[in-house]
Protein backbone atom coordinates (compact mmCIF):
# COMPACT_ATOMS: atom_id res chain seq x y z
CA MET A 1 -145.21 54.00 -2.94
CA SER A 2 -143.63 57.81 -3.26
CA VAL A 3 -145.68 60.65 -1.50
CA PHE A 4 -147.60 62.82 -3.86
CA ARG A 5 -147.69 66.48 -2.89
CA VAL A 6 -150.33 68.97 -4.33
CA HIS A 7 -150.48 72.77 -3.36
CA ASN A 8 -153.40 73.37 -1.43
CA THR A 9 -155.41 76.87 -2.06
CA LEU A 10 -156.73 76.81 1.49
CA THR A 11 -153.72 76.38 3.45
CA ARG A 12 -151.13 77.85 0.48
CA ARG A 13 -148.94 75.48 0.88
CA LEU A 14 -147.76 71.87 -0.46
CA GLU A 15 -149.34 68.79 1.21
CA GLU A 16 -149.02 65.16 1.13
CA PHE A 17 -152.48 63.71 -0.53
CA GLN A 18 -153.88 61.52 2.08
CA PRO A 19 -157.27 60.31 0.85
CA LEU A 20 -160.26 60.06 3.63
CA GLU A 21 -160.62 56.62 2.53
CA PRO A 22 -157.24 54.60 2.18
CA GLY A 23 -156.81 53.56 -1.48
CA HIS A 24 -159.90 55.88 -2.63
CA ALA A 25 -159.20 59.30 -4.08
CA ARG A 26 -162.60 61.37 -4.39
CA LEU A 27 -162.81 64.52 -6.29
CA TYR A 28 -164.99 67.18 -7.34
CA THR A 29 -164.26 68.90 -10.72
CA CYS A 30 -166.19 72.09 -11.75
CA GLY A 31 -167.93 71.17 -15.33
CA PRO A 32 -169.08 73.49 -18.21
CA THR A 33 -171.98 75.74 -17.93
CA VAL A 34 -173.46 74.38 -21.22
CA TYR A 35 -174.84 77.77 -23.06
CA ASN A 36 -172.36 77.46 -25.55
CA TYR A 37 -169.33 75.73 -26.91
CA ALA A 38 -166.35 75.57 -24.22
CA HIS A 39 -163.57 77.69 -25.09
CA ILE A 40 -159.77 76.75 -24.75
CA GLY A 41 -159.51 78.14 -21.32
CA ASN A 42 -162.31 75.86 -20.25
CA PHE A 43 -160.36 72.88 -21.65
CA ARG A 44 -157.07 73.89 -20.02
CA ALA A 45 -158.75 73.42 -16.78
CA TYR A 46 -160.31 70.12 -17.54
CA VAL A 47 -157.37 68.42 -19.16
CA PHE A 48 -155.35 69.70 -15.88
CA GLU A 49 -158.22 67.69 -14.05
CA ASP A 50 -157.60 64.84 -16.22
CA LEU A 51 -153.80 64.83 -15.87
CA LEU A 52 -154.60 64.93 -11.84
CA ARG A 53 -156.88 61.85 -12.39
CA ARG A 54 -154.42 60.09 -14.31
CA TRP A 55 -151.67 60.77 -11.75
CA LEU A 56 -153.72 59.56 -8.93
CA LYS A 57 -154.40 56.08 -10.98
CA PHE A 58 -150.76 56.16 -11.80
CA LYS A 59 -150.18 56.02 -8.15
CA GLY A 60 -152.77 53.46 -7.51
CA PHE A 61 -155.47 54.95 -6.05
CA ARG A 62 -158.99 54.06 -7.15
CA VAL A 63 -160.61 57.11 -8.55
CA THR A 64 -164.27 58.37 -7.91
CA GLN A 65 -164.73 61.71 -9.83
CA VAL A 66 -167.62 63.61 -10.01
CA MET A 67 -168.03 66.78 -12.71
CA ASN A 68 -171.09 68.87 -12.80
CA LEU A 69 -173.05 70.05 -15.88
CA THR A 70 -174.60 73.39 -15.05
CA ASP A 71 -177.79 73.35 -17.14
CA VAL A 72 -179.49 76.33 -15.41
CA ASP A 73 -178.13 79.59 -14.38
CA ASP A 74 -178.44 83.06 -15.58
CA LYS A 75 -176.67 82.54 -18.91
CA THR A 76 -178.53 79.35 -19.82
CA ILE A 77 -181.94 81.08 -19.07
CA ARG A 78 -181.06 84.03 -20.94
CA ASP A 79 -179.66 82.35 -23.99
CA SER A 80 -182.16 79.65 -24.14
CA GLN A 81 -185.06 82.22 -24.48
CA ALA A 82 -182.79 84.16 -27.19
CA ALA A 83 -182.58 81.24 -29.22
CA GLY A 84 -186.47 80.46 -28.64
CA LEU A 85 -185.81 77.13 -27.17
CA SER A 86 -186.70 75.32 -24.08
CA LEU A 87 -183.91 75.18 -21.63
CA ALA A 88 -183.56 71.31 -21.61
CA GLU A 89 -183.74 71.73 -25.74
CA PHE A 90 -180.98 74.39 -25.54
CA THR A 91 -178.57 73.14 -23.04
CA ALA A 92 -178.94 69.52 -24.83
CA ARG A 93 -176.88 70.37 -27.80
CA TYR A 94 -173.91 71.88 -25.82
CA LYS A 95 -173.70 69.03 -23.44
CA GLN A 96 -173.27 67.04 -26.46
CA ALA A 97 -170.64 69.21 -27.70
CA PHE A 98 -169.15 68.86 -24.46
CA PHE A 99 -168.73 65.26 -24.62
CA GLU A 100 -167.45 65.10 -28.46
CA ASP A 101 -164.68 67.74 -27.26
CA ILE A 102 -163.30 66.09 -24.34
CA ARG A 103 -163.12 62.91 -26.54
CA VAL A 104 -161.07 64.78 -29.15
CA LEU A 105 -158.85 65.89 -26.28
CA ASN A 106 -158.50 62.09 -24.62
CA ILE A 107 -160.00 63.43 -21.51
CA GLU A 108 -160.80 60.02 -19.57
CA ALA A 109 -164.75 60.09 -18.52
CA ALA A 110 -165.32 60.73 -15.13
CA GLU A 111 -167.67 58.49 -13.20
CA HIS A 112 -170.41 61.14 -12.63
CA TYR A 113 -171.87 63.90 -14.53
CA PRO A 114 -174.65 65.31 -12.83
CA ALA A 115 -176.68 67.83 -14.73
CA ALA A 116 -178.15 70.52 -12.44
CA THR A 117 -181.82 70.33 -13.03
CA ASP A 118 -181.77 66.41 -12.40
CA HIS A 119 -181.06 67.15 -8.79
CA ILE A 120 -183.48 70.18 -7.80
CA PRO A 121 -184.99 68.17 -4.87
CA GLU A 122 -181.35 67.69 -3.18
CA MET A 123 -180.89 71.56 -3.43
CA ILE A 124 -184.18 72.24 -1.82
CA ALA A 125 -183.72 69.89 1.11
CA LEU A 126 -179.94 71.26 1.64
CA ILE A 127 -181.39 74.94 1.60
CA GLN A 128 -184.28 73.92 3.94
CA VAL A 129 -181.49 72.55 6.34
CA LEU A 130 -179.58 75.85 6.09
CA GLN A 131 -183.00 77.48 6.87
CA ASP A 132 -183.85 75.39 9.81
CA LYS A 133 -180.21 75.87 11.09
CA GLY A 134 -180.54 79.83 11.17
CA TYR A 135 -178.01 80.22 8.22
CA ALA A 136 -180.31 81.09 5.56
CA TYR A 137 -183.39 83.48 5.84
CA ARG A 138 -186.45 84.45 3.10
CA ALA A 139 -186.61 87.84 1.92
CA ASP A 140 -189.73 89.51 1.07
CA ASP A 141 -189.74 88.56 -2.44
CA GLY A 142 -189.76 84.86 -1.41
CA SER A 143 -185.67 84.16 -2.48
CA VAL A 144 -183.64 82.46 0.33
CA TYR A 145 -180.03 83.62 1.30
CA PHE A 146 -177.18 82.78 3.21
CA SER A 147 -176.41 84.80 5.76
CA ILE A 148 -172.22 85.40 5.78
CA ASP A 149 -172.62 86.99 9.14
CA ARG A 150 -173.65 84.06 10.57
CA TRP A 151 -170.79 82.05 8.98
CA PRO A 152 -167.50 83.15 11.03
CA GLN A 153 -165.08 81.33 8.87
CA TYR A 154 -166.63 82.81 5.32
CA GLY A 155 -163.68 83.93 3.26
CA LYS A 156 -160.99 81.16 4.27
CA LEU A 157 -160.25 79.88 0.95
CA ALA A 158 -159.95 83.24 -0.75
CA HIS A 159 -158.40 84.62 2.36
CA LEU A 160 -160.66 87.67 2.47
CA ASP A 161 -160.79 90.40 5.01
CA ARG A 162 -163.66 89.87 7.20
CA SER A 163 -163.65 93.56 8.19
CA GLY A 164 -164.74 94.48 4.85
CA LEU A 165 -167.84 91.90 4.48
CA ARG A 166 -170.80 93.73 4.20
CA ALA A 167 -173.64 91.59 5.97
CA GLY A 168 -177.22 91.89 5.16
CA VAL A 169 -176.23 93.27 1.41
CA ARG A 170 -177.47 90.54 -1.20
CA VAL A 171 -176.21 89.46 -4.32
CA ASN A 172 -178.83 87.79 -6.33
CA ALA A 173 -176.50 87.32 -9.31
CA ASP A 174 -175.06 83.77 -9.86
CA GLU A 175 -171.56 85.44 -10.55
CA TYR A 176 -170.12 88.52 -9.03
CA ASP A 177 -166.79 90.28 -8.05
CA LYS A 178 -164.94 90.22 -4.87
CA GLU A 179 -166.16 94.03 -4.47
CA ASN A 180 -169.42 92.39 -4.08
CA VAL A 181 -169.06 90.13 -1.04
CA ALA A 182 -172.40 90.02 0.40
CA ASP A 183 -175.27 87.46 1.45
CA PHE A 184 -175.89 85.04 -1.72
CA ALA A 185 -178.69 83.69 -3.17
CA LEU A 186 -179.34 79.77 -2.77
CA TRP A 187 -183.07 80.09 -4.25
CA LYS A 188 -184.08 82.50 -6.54
CA ALA A 189 -187.93 83.66 -6.68
CA TRP A 190 -189.16 83.28 -9.76
CA ASP A 191 -189.66 86.47 -12.26
CA GLU A 192 -190.69 87.34 -15.66
CA LYS A 193 -186.85 86.94 -16.86
CA ASP A 194 -187.32 83.10 -16.04
CA GLY A 195 -189.99 82.62 -18.36
CA ASP A 196 -191.09 78.92 -17.68
CA VAL A 197 -187.86 77.89 -15.79
CA ALA A 198 -189.07 77.02 -12.25
CA TRP A 199 -189.78 74.45 -9.70
CA ASP A 200 -192.04 74.22 -6.90
CA SER A 201 -190.17 74.71 -3.51
CA PRO A 202 -190.98 75.75 0.43
CA TRP A 203 -190.49 79.17 -0.87
CA GLY A 204 -192.54 79.17 -3.76
CA ARG A 205 -192.05 79.02 -7.33
CA GLY A 206 -188.12 79.56 -8.40
CA ARG A 207 -184.94 78.00 -9.13
CA PRO A 208 -181.77 77.36 -7.27
CA GLY A 209 -178.65 79.53 -7.26
CA TRP A 210 -175.69 78.78 -9.16
CA HIS A 211 -173.66 77.87 -5.96
CA ILE A 212 -176.01 75.84 -3.98
CA GLU A 213 -176.18 73.28 -7.20
CA CYS A 214 -172.31 71.80 -6.74
CA SER A 215 -173.01 71.59 -2.71
CA ALA A 216 -175.94 69.37 -3.55
CA MET A 217 -174.53 67.58 -6.16
CA SER A 218 -171.05 66.75 -4.18
CA GLN A 219 -172.95 65.63 -1.46
CA ARG A 220 -175.16 63.52 -3.42
CA TYR A 221 -172.22 61.28 -5.15
CA LEU A 222 -169.37 61.88 -2.78
CA GLY A 223 -170.70 62.73 0.92
CA PRO A 224 -170.53 65.31 3.06
CA SER A 225 -166.57 65.16 2.74
CA PHE A 226 -164.49 64.30 0.53
CA ASP A 227 -160.90 64.72 -0.85
CA ILE A 228 -160.18 67.07 -3.86
CA HIS A 229 -162.23 70.16 -5.09
CA THR A 230 -160.69 71.73 -8.41
CA GLY A 231 -161.31 74.60 -10.51
CA GLY A 232 -160.10 77.77 -12.34
CA VAL A 233 -158.59 80.58 -10.11
CA ASP A 234 -161.74 82.61 -11.06
CA ASN A 235 -163.53 80.19 -9.32
CA ILE A 236 -162.08 80.51 -5.65
CA PHE A 237 -164.09 83.49 -5.35
CA PRO A 238 -167.36 83.63 -5.23
CA HIS A 239 -168.25 79.95 -6.18
CA HIS A 240 -165.82 77.82 -4.28
CA GLU A 241 -165.98 80.16 -1.04
CA ASP A 242 -169.84 79.88 -1.01
CA GLU A 243 -169.91 76.33 -1.50
CA ILE A 244 -167.93 75.81 1.47
CA ALA A 245 -169.99 78.55 3.64
CA GLN A 246 -173.38 76.49 2.85
CA SER A 247 -171.89 72.89 2.72
CA GLU A 248 -170.24 73.00 6.00
CA ALA A 249 -172.95 75.04 7.90
CA ALA A 250 -175.28 72.64 6.84
CA THR A 251 -173.56 69.25 7.48
CA GLY A 252 -171.04 70.69 10.47
CA GLN A 253 -168.39 68.94 8.81
CA PRO A 254 -165.11 69.65 6.73
CA PHE A 255 -166.27 69.74 3.14
CA ALA A 256 -162.94 69.14 0.70
CA THR A 257 -159.57 68.87 2.16
CA TYR A 258 -157.41 69.63 -0.93
CA TRP A 259 -158.40 72.74 -3.30
CA LEU A 260 -156.33 72.85 -6.46
CA HIS A 261 -156.70 75.74 -8.62
CA CYS A 262 -155.29 76.14 -12.20
CA ALA A 263 -154.29 79.61 -13.71
CA HIS A 264 -155.42 81.28 -16.34
CA LEU A 265 -154.90 81.10 -19.97
CA LEU A 266 -153.93 83.84 -21.77
CA VAL A 267 -154.29 84.23 -25.97
CA ASP A 268 -150.94 85.98 -27.45
CA GLY A 269 -150.54 87.47 -23.49
CA GLN A 270 -153.90 88.97 -23.39
CA LYS A 271 -157.08 88.01 -21.57
CA MET A 272 -159.38 86.31 -24.10
CA SER A 273 -162.21 87.97 -25.53
CA LYS A 274 -164.44 88.05 -28.47
CA SER A 275 -163.90 91.82 -28.99
CA ARG A 276 -160.27 91.22 -29.05
CA GLY A 277 -160.67 88.76 -31.93
CA ASN A 278 -158.88 86.12 -29.53
CA PHE A 279 -161.46 83.97 -28.27
CA HIS A 280 -160.91 80.39 -29.35
CA THR A 281 -163.14 77.31 -28.83
CA LEU A 282 -161.93 73.60 -29.38
CA ARG A 283 -163.57 73.67 -32.87
CA ASP A 284 -161.98 76.76 -33.94
CA VAL A 285 -158.65 75.69 -33.15
CA LEU A 286 -159.53 72.15 -35.09
CA GLN A 287 -160.80 73.97 -38.32
CA ARG A 288 -157.15 75.43 -38.48
CA GLY A 289 -155.63 72.05 -39.30
CA TYR A 290 -154.72 71.29 -35.53
CA THR A 291 -155.55 68.02 -33.83
CA GLY A 292 -156.90 67.02 -30.64
CA ARG A 293 -153.40 65.65 -29.79
CA GLU A 294 -151.62 68.86 -30.58
CA VAL A 295 -153.89 71.31 -28.62
CA ARG A 296 -153.78 68.87 -25.23
CA TYR A 297 -150.15 68.70 -25.41
CA GLU A 298 -150.43 72.55 -25.25
CA LEU A 299 -152.74 72.98 -22.37
CA LEU A 300 -150.72 69.98 -20.66
CA ALA A 301 -147.28 71.15 -21.28
CA THR A 302 -147.45 74.54 -18.79
CA HIS A 303 -147.69 73.66 -14.80
CA TYR A 304 -151.23 74.35 -14.01
CA ARG A 305 -150.53 76.81 -11.46
CA ALA A 306 -148.50 79.09 -14.33
CA SER A 307 -150.43 81.22 -16.59
CA LEU A 308 -150.66 79.16 -19.76
CA ASN A 309 -149.81 81.92 -22.81
CA PHE A 310 -151.68 80.20 -25.98
CA THR A 311 -150.69 81.12 -29.34
CA PHE A 312 -150.64 79.20 -32.93
CA ALA A 313 -146.77 79.31 -32.73
CA SER A 314 -146.90 77.32 -29.59
CA LEU A 315 -149.34 74.98 -31.23
CA ASP A 316 -146.67 74.44 -33.90
CA ALA A 317 -144.17 73.64 -31.41
CA ALA A 318 -146.48 71.22 -29.55
CA ARG A 319 -146.59 69.49 -33.21
CA THR A 320 -142.96 69.36 -33.11
CA ALA A 321 -142.63 68.08 -29.96
CA LEU A 322 -145.09 65.48 -30.84
CA ARG A 323 -143.42 64.36 -33.98
CA ARG A 324 -140.12 63.93 -32.03
CA VAL A 325 -142.10 61.31 -29.75
CA ASP A 326 -143.82 59.66 -33.00
CA GLU A 327 -140.28 59.24 -34.51
CA PHE A 328 -139.00 58.02 -31.63
CA THR A 329 -141.35 55.77 -30.85
CA ALA A 330 -141.38 53.81 -34.67
CA ARG A 331 -137.74 53.68 -34.18
CA LEU A 332 -138.29 51.61 -30.80
CA THR A 333 -140.77 49.43 -32.62
CA ASP A 334 -138.32 48.46 -35.43
CA ALA A 335 -135.42 47.68 -32.97
CA ALA A 336 -137.74 45.95 -30.62
CA GLY A 337 -139.41 43.80 -33.12
CA SER A 338 -141.24 40.66 -31.43
CA ALA A 339 -138.42 40.48 -28.52
CA ALA A 340 -139.84 40.51 -24.81
CA SER A 341 -139.36 43.30 -22.47
CA ALA A 342 -136.29 42.83 -20.32
CA GLU A 343 -134.37 45.28 -17.86
CA LEU A 344 -134.36 49.15 -18.79
CA PRO A 345 -131.13 50.84 -19.65
CA THR A 346 -129.60 52.97 -17.14
CA TRP A 347 -130.43 55.70 -18.70
CA ALA A 348 -134.49 54.92 -19.11
CA ARG A 349 -134.34 54.05 -15.41
CA LEU A 350 -133.06 57.15 -14.26
CA ALA A 351 -135.47 59.01 -16.51
CA ALA A 352 -138.51 56.96 -15.08
CA THR A 353 -137.12 58.18 -11.53
CA ARG A 354 -137.00 61.74 -12.30
CA PHE A 355 -140.37 61.74 -14.29
CA GLU A 356 -142.28 60.29 -11.21
CA ALA A 357 -140.48 62.55 -8.99
CA ALA A 358 -141.60 65.53 -10.70
CA MET A 359 -145.48 64.45 -11.20
CA ASP A 360 -145.49 63.67 -7.35
CA GLU A 361 -144.21 67.27 -6.63
CA ASP A 362 -147.70 69.07 -7.45
CA LEU A 363 -147.65 67.60 -10.94
CA ASN A 364 -144.52 69.40 -12.17
CA ILE A 365 -145.32 68.67 -15.72
CA SER A 366 -142.22 70.65 -16.96
CA ALA A 367 -139.50 68.62 -15.30
CA ALA A 368 -141.58 65.41 -16.20
CA LEU A 369 -141.44 66.44 -19.70
CA ALA A 370 -137.74 67.46 -19.45
CA ALA A 371 -137.23 63.72 -18.42
CA LEU A 372 -139.26 62.24 -21.45
CA PHE A 373 -137.37 64.31 -24.02
CA ASP A 374 -133.98 63.49 -22.58
CA ALA A 375 -134.72 59.92 -22.57
CA ILE A 376 -135.49 60.64 -26.31
CA ARG A 377 -132.22 61.85 -26.62
CA GLU A 378 -130.49 59.03 -25.03
CA GLY A 379 -132.28 56.58 -26.71
CA ASN A 380 -131.76 58.28 -30.02
CA ALA A 381 -128.03 58.16 -29.39
CA ALA A 382 -128.31 54.37 -28.33
CA LEU A 383 -130.23 53.44 -31.26
CA ASP A 384 -127.49 55.61 -33.56
CA ALA A 385 -124.56 53.52 -31.70
CA ARG A 386 -126.79 50.20 -32.32
CA ALA A 387 -126.19 49.98 -28.66
CA LEU A 388 -130.17 49.44 -27.73
CA ALA A 389 -130.69 45.47 -27.57
CA PRO A 390 -134.10 44.20 -29.15
CA SER A 391 -135.41 43.45 -25.26
CA ALA A 392 -134.16 46.87 -24.24
CA ALA A 393 -136.09 48.85 -26.93
CA ALA A 394 -139.17 46.78 -25.73
CA ALA A 395 -138.77 47.84 -22.19
CA VAL A 396 -138.13 51.41 -23.31
CA GLN A 397 -141.51 50.83 -25.29
CA ALA A 398 -143.27 49.50 -22.40
CA LEU A 399 -142.09 52.50 -20.27
CA LEU A 400 -143.39 55.16 -22.69
CA ALA A 401 -146.90 53.18 -22.72
CA ARG A 402 -146.58 53.35 -18.60
CA TRP A 403 -146.07 57.09 -18.69
CA ASP A 404 -148.72 57.75 -21.28
CA THR A 405 -151.39 56.42 -18.87
CA ALA A 406 -150.72 59.56 -17.03
CA LEU A 407 -150.10 62.12 -20.25
CA GLY A 408 -152.69 61.05 -22.64
CA VAL A 409 -150.59 62.59 -25.26
CA LEU A 410 -147.70 60.18 -26.05
CA ALA A 411 -149.37 57.37 -28.32
CA LYS A 412 -150.69 58.86 -31.68
CA PRO A 413 -154.49 58.02 -31.87
CA ALA A 414 -155.49 55.54 -33.90
CA THR A 415 -156.76 56.87 -37.58
CA ALA A 416 -158.49 55.21 -40.29
CA ILE A 417 -156.67 55.68 -43.94
CA PRO A 418 -159.56 57.33 -46.04
CA ALA A 419 -160.63 55.25 -49.04
CA ASP A 420 -159.26 57.67 -51.60
CA VAL A 421 -155.83 57.94 -49.65
CA GLN A 422 -155.73 54.02 -49.43
CA ALA A 423 -156.32 53.80 -53.19
CA LEU A 424 -153.23 55.49 -53.83
CA LEU A 425 -151.39 54.02 -51.57
CA ASP A 426 -151.98 50.71 -53.16
CA ARG A 427 -151.14 52.09 -56.67
CA ARG A 428 -148.15 53.24 -55.25
CA GLN A 429 -147.12 49.92 -53.80
CA ALA A 430 -147.76 48.59 -57.28
CA ALA A 431 -145.16 51.16 -58.57
CA ARG A 432 -142.78 50.26 -56.28
CA THR A 433 -143.05 46.55 -56.93
CA ALA A 434 -142.61 47.30 -60.64
CA LYS A 435 -139.67 49.54 -59.69
CA ASP A 436 -141.51 52.71 -61.23
CA TRP A 437 -139.73 55.11 -58.92
CA ALA A 438 -140.84 58.21 -60.94
CA GLN A 439 -144.46 57.13 -60.66
CA SER A 440 -144.10 55.89 -56.56
CA ASP A 441 -142.63 59.55 -56.20
CA ALA A 442 -145.72 61.16 -57.86
CA LEU A 443 -148.05 59.18 -55.81
CA ARG A 444 -146.24 60.05 -52.55
CA GLY A 445 -146.74 63.51 -53.73
CA GLU A 446 -150.86 63.07 -54.34
CA ILE A 447 -150.83 61.59 -50.99
CA ALA A 448 -149.24 64.28 -49.14
CA ASN A 449 -151.79 66.74 -50.58
CA LEU A 450 -154.42 64.70 -48.87
CA GLY A 451 -153.10 65.42 -45.69
CA TRP A 452 -150.83 61.91 -45.36
CA ASN A 453 -146.96 61.34 -45.28
CA VAL A 454 -146.09 58.18 -46.53
CA LYS A 455 -142.77 56.31 -45.02
CA ASP A 456 -141.00 52.96 -46.59
CA THR A 457 -139.98 50.63 -44.07
CA PRO A 458 -138.80 47.17 -43.98
CA LYS A 459 -142.28 46.04 -43.37
CA GLY A 460 -143.92 48.05 -46.05
CA GLN A 461 -144.91 51.65 -46.51
CA VAL A 462 -146.66 53.24 -43.39
CA ALA A 463 -149.13 56.24 -43.84
CA THR A 464 -149.59 58.87 -41.18
CA PRO A 465 -151.79 62.12 -41.22
CA ARG A 466 -149.69 64.92 -41.14
C-alpha cells in the first residue's frame, strides 16, 4: 500500500500517516454549534473531513470518527432565550437540520455524534483531575480556570510567542482572539444570563466552558490519545490549543498525533457576513436551484489548505463539470452493455496511478480531478474511434465507481420521477410509437419546463433532472 502523507499543523510539515493502532484510523472532527443552520463555510470543513474519512477507507483503514455537537455554549444559551425555548428544544431543531444537510451533501455518517449536554459528568471529572494536578484553580465566583502559566507547552499548535502570554489574566468567553491569550474557563459559575441552564458540580452550579467539551468527549470515545484532529483554521487558536493543554495536562499523554485544518471560505472574494449580504446557508443555495451534489463538488474541488472563493459562477462551472462526468458515464454504460469487466486500457491505468498519487499527497484534489478529466477526454476519444471494447468500458465504469467511494460526487443520485413528469413521459412514448414527432417534441418541451431533460437511447427514453 502506497504512503498517505498529510500536512500536520503541529509540526508544519508533511508526514506519513501512521495510526497508533495498525489498520485503524481514529479521528475527531469539530462539529456544529447548533444555534442556527450551518452555513457553507461550515460545510467546507465538513466536506473536507468527509473526503479525509473516505480516503482513509479507500486506503484500507478502518475508521472511527467522532463529530461533536456543541449544544451548550454562549451562543446556544443566548439564542434559545431570545426564542423563548428551552435549550433542548431550541438546539433539537438545528441538530435535525444538520443531519438533513449532511445527507444532501452525501457526507458519510460518523460513528459517534456526542452532544455536549449528554457528557457533563465526564467534563466535571476531567476538570477535577486538572484541579487535583494543580493545572486548574477556582476563582472567587466559583468558576474554574486552566492556568497557562503552569503548562509550559501552551502555544505549541498555534506557535505562540510565550513571552506575550499574560498569566493570571482570565478569559471567560467561549471564543476569543489571539490578543486575549490568558487563562481560560473550564467551568463557568452560573449567573443570570444562563437562565435555567446549569448543572451541579463540586464548584457549585454552573456549566462547562466550550473547550473542555471536546477534550472530555474525545477521551470518552477515542481514549486519551488518537490519530487525527481536524477543523477550520479559525479553530487552531484558542479552541484546539486549549484542547491540547487541558487534555495532555490531565492524561500525561500526547493528545492527537496529526492536526489537519482547512482554510477559510470566501464569498465573491470577501469574508462571509450577513451585513455584506453574502452569507449563505446550504438551504439558501439549494433554493436558488442548485443541487447538493453541485455544492459538494464546489466545496471539494479546491485543496483544503487553500482559501476557497465561493461564487455562483463557480457553482455553474461545477454543474458543467458534473455534466461532463454524467455524459461520459452514460456513454460507458451504453458501450459496456452486459459485458464483464476486464483489464483497464493503458490510459485508464495511468489515470488511476495519477489519481491515487495525488490523493496520497495530502489529499491533492486538484491533481486528482485533473486525472479524472484527462481520463474522460481519453475515454471519449476512444469511444468516438470505436476503440473501447465492452469489457474495457465496464472496467472504466468500475474505476469511476472506485474513485467515487473517495469523492462521493461522481455518481448521479437516484431521483424519483414525479408523477406529473412520468405522465408526460408516458404520453411522449405513445406519441413516438405513433410516429407523431411534433407531439413528441412538444411534450419534451413541457417536461423541460418541469425541470427534466429527456434523452432518447436504444433502450428507450431516459429522463434526468436538469
